[in-house]
């Protein structure tokens, strides 16, 4: 059974995931303004994925007979100096998300709330993938540096990215 403290932390994480979605939309807007539609698509798809994460927590809370509470949040950063800057900030953000998920998982462990422990395992696995994705893209962007052909090939590749919600296991 969820304690009030664990419920509050789950609600905070749900709202942080919604903030993450807005952050990625802001990065997508920057890229689109720079006429980098593929990179914009990457971040817009990432925003959809983060919203999916938020709704996953929303549904979990409600399934347990508790109430998901949607709150407001700060405006995301809208100022970027380059695509690399977007990805570096996104990577730092994902590391923060990972820490938050770990802290939430620790709380669930301490409270012996096994349903939440099991639920959060999916998020822990997801964060490993998220951090690896952003780190890999940053490494590629640094390698291609001023090679405009490689940069535009990457932009074209990201234009094909889409989000398909994972099916229940």
Protein backbone atom coordinates (compact mmCIF):
# COMPACT_ATOMS: atom_id res chain seq x y z
CA UNK A 1 0.00 0.00 0.00
CA UNK A 2 1.33 3.40 -0.92
CA UNK A 3 2.27 5.65 1.93
CA UNK A 4 1.43 9.33 1.64
CA UNK A 5 5.15 10.05 1.20
CA UNK A 6 5.58 7.54 -1.63
CA UNK A 7 2.40 8.77 -3.31
CA UNK A 8 3.66 12.35 -3.13
CA UNK A 9 7.02 11.32 -4.65
CA UNK A 10 5.31 9.39 -7.46
CA UNK A 11 3.18 12.44 -8.21
CA UNK A 12 6.28 14.63 -8.25
CA UNK A 13 8.00 12.25 -10.65
CA UNK A 14 4.93 12.14 -12.89
CA UNK A 15 4.96 15.93 -13.08
CA UNK A 16 8.73 15.93 -13.68
CA UNK A 17 8.14 13.63 -16.66
CA UNK A 18 5.60 16.14 -18.00
CA UNK A 19 8.24 18.85 -17.54
CA UNK A 20 10.71 16.65 -19.42
CA UNK A 21 8.26 16.50 -22.30
CA UNK A 22 8.09 20.30 -22.40
CA UNK A 23 11.86 20.56 -22.21
CA UNK A 24 12.21 18.36 -25.29
CA UNK A 25 9.52 20.35 -27.11
CA UNK A 26 11.56 23.49 -26.40
CA UNK A 27 14.65 21.81 -27.85
CA UNK A 28 12.60 20.72 -30.86
CA UNK A 29 11.41 24.30 -31.35
CA UNK A 30 15.02 25.52 -31.29
CA UNK A 31 16.05 22.95 -33.89
CA UNK A 32 13.07 23.70 -36.09
CA UNK A 33 13.88 27.41 -35.93
CA UNK A 34 17.40 26.53 -37.10
CA UNK A 35 15.86 24.62 -40.07
CA UNK A 36 17.08 21.31 -38.68
CA UNK A 37 13.84 19.42 -39.06
CA UNK A 38 15.33 15.99 -38.38
CA UNK A 39 16.83 17.07 -35.07
CA UNK A 40 13.54 18.83 -34.30
CA UNK A 41 11.72 15.57 -34.98
CA UNK A 42 14.10 13.73 -32.66
CA UNK A 43 13.19 16.03 -29.77
CA UNK A 44 9.47 16.10 -30.58
CA UNK A 45 9.43 12.29 -30.56
CA UNK A 46 11.39 12.39 -27.29
CA UNK A 47 8.72 14.70 -25.87
CA UNK A 48 6.05 12.12 -26.79
CA UNK A 49 8.06 9.44 -25.03
CA UNK A 50 8.39 11.53 -21.87
CA UNK A 51 4.65 12.18 -21.88
CA UNK A 52 4.15 8.42 -22.16
CA UNK A 53 6.37 8.00 -19.08
CA UNK A 54 4.30 10.54 -17.17
CA UNK A 55 1.06 8.81 -18.16
CA UNK A 56 2.50 5.46 -17.13
CA UNK A 57 2.96 6.83 -13.60
CA UNK A 58 -0.46 8.53 -13.78
CA UNK A 59 -2.10 5.21 -14.62
CA UNK A 60 -0.13 3.33 -11.95
CA UNK A 61 -1.21 5.73 -9.22
CA UNK A 62 -4.83 5.52 -10.29
CA UNK A 63 -4.71 1.72 -10.61
CA UNK A 64 -3.71 1.57 -6.95
CA UNK A 65 -6.81 3.55 -6.04
CA UNK A 66 -4.89 6.73 -5.33
CA UNK A 67 -5.13 10.05 -7.10
CA UNK A 68 -2.65 11.37 -9.59
CA UNK A 69 -2.23 15.10 -9.05
CA UNK A 70 -1.13 17.14 -12.04
CA UNK A 71 0.61 20.35 -11.07
CA UNK A 72 2.27 23.21 -12.87
CA UNK A 73 6.00 23.52 -13.32
CA UNK A 74 8.67 25.98 -14.30
CA UNK A 75 9.03 26.92 -17.93
CA UNK A 76 11.73 24.83 -19.57
CA UNK A 77 14.89 26.40 -20.92
CA UNK A 78 14.27 27.82 -24.40
CA UNK A 79 17.76 29.15 -25.07
CA UNK A 80 20.33 26.97 -26.83
CA UNK A 81 23.51 27.76 -28.70
CA UNK A 82 23.70 24.68 -30.91
CA UNK A 83 22.33 21.20 -31.49
CA UNK A 84 25.23 19.87 -29.41
CA UNK A 85 24.17 22.20 -26.59
CA UNK A 86 20.65 20.74 -26.77
CA UNK A 87 21.93 17.20 -26.52
CA UNK A 88 24.37 17.99 -23.72
CA UNK A 89 21.59 19.64 -21.71
CA UNK A 90 19.27 16.73 -22.49
CA UNK A 91 21.91 14.27 -21.29
CA UNK A 92 22.34 16.17 -18.03
CA UNK A 93 18.57 16.21 -17.65
CA UNK A 94 18.38 12.44 -18.20
CA UNK A 95 21.03 11.90 -15.54
CA UNK A 96 18.86 13.94 -13.18
CA UNK A 97 15.84 11.80 -14.11
CA UNK A 98 17.88 8.67 -13.36
CA UNK A 99 18.81 9.98 -9.92
CA UNK A 100 15.16 10.79 -9.21
CA UNK A 101 14.05 7.30 -10.28
CA UNK A 102 16.78 5.74 -8.10
CA UNK A 103 15.68 7.84 -5.13
CA UNK A 104 12.07 6.84 -5.73
CA UNK A 105 13.09 3.20 -5.98
CA UNK A 106 15.08 3.49 -2.73
CA UNK A 107 12.02 4.91 -1.00
CA UNK A 108 9.85 2.06 -2.31
CA UNK A 109 12.47 -0.45 -1.09
CA UNK A 110 12.63 1.17 2.33
CA UNK A 111 8.85 1.01 2.59
CA UNK A 112 8.74 -2.55 1.23
CA UNK A 113 6.18 -1.43 -1.34
CA UNK A 114 6.69 -4.32 -3.75
CA UNK A 115 4.21 -3.26 -6.43
CA UNK A 116 6.02 0.07 -6.77
CA UNK A 117 9.43 -1.64 -6.72
CA UNK A 118 8.32 -3.84 -9.60
CA UNK A 119 6.77 -0.89 -11.46
CA UNK A 120 9.93 1.23 -11.16
CA UNK A 121 12.16 -1.48 -12.61
CA UNK A 122 10.83 -0.56 -16.06
CA UNK A 123 11.89 3.06 -15.50
CA UNK A 124 15.35 2.03 -14.30
CA UNK A 125 15.88 -0.03 -17.47
CA UNK A 126 14.52 2.86 -19.56
CA UNK A 127 16.97 5.31 -18.00
CA UNK A 128 19.93 3.10 -18.90
CA UNK A 129 18.75 3.31 -22.53
CA UNK A 130 18.06 7.06 -22.35
CA UNK A 131 21.48 7.95 -20.98
CA UNK A 132 23.23 5.70 -23.50
CA UNK A 133 21.23 7.22 -26.36
CA UNK A 134 22.09 10.81 -25.49
CA UNK A 135 25.71 10.05 -24.66
CA UNK A 136 26.12 8.24 -27.98
CA UNK A 137 24.62 11.12 -29.95
CA UNK A 138 26.87 13.62 -28.17
CA UNK A 139 29.95 11.54 -29.01
CA UNK A 140 28.90 11.41 -32.67
CA UNK A 141 28.21 15.14 -32.81
CA UNK A 142 31.63 15.86 -31.33
CA UNK A 143 33.30 13.51 -33.84
CA UNK A 144 31.64 15.07 -36.86
CA UNK A 145 32.33 18.59 -35.52
CA UNK A 146 32.40 20.80 -38.60
CA UNK A 147 31.66 18.09 -41.19
CA UNK A 148 28.45 19.51 -42.59
CA UNK A 149 27.74 16.42 -44.71
CA UNK A 150 27.81 14.12 -41.68
CA UNK A 151 25.75 16.62 -39.68
CA UNK A 152 23.04 16.77 -42.33
CA UNK A 153 23.10 12.98 -42.72
CA UNK A 154 22.39 12.76 -38.99
CA UNK A 155 19.61 15.33 -39.36
CA UNK A 156 18.08 13.25 -42.17
CA UNK A 157 18.33 10.07 -40.10
CA UNK A 158 16.57 11.67 -37.13
CA UNK A 159 13.74 12.77 -39.41
CA UNK A 160 12.76 9.09 -39.63
CA UNK A 161 12.51 8.61 -35.86
CA UNK A 162 9.09 7.81 -34.42
CA UNK A 163 7.67 6.72 -31.09
CA UNK A 164 5.67 3.56 -30.66
CA UNK A 165 4.61 2.97 -27.06
CA UNK A 166 5.94 -0.34 -25.77
CA UNK A 167 3.40 -3.09 -25.31
CA UNK A 168 2.77 -4.64 -21.92
CA UNK A 169 5.09 -7.51 -21.11
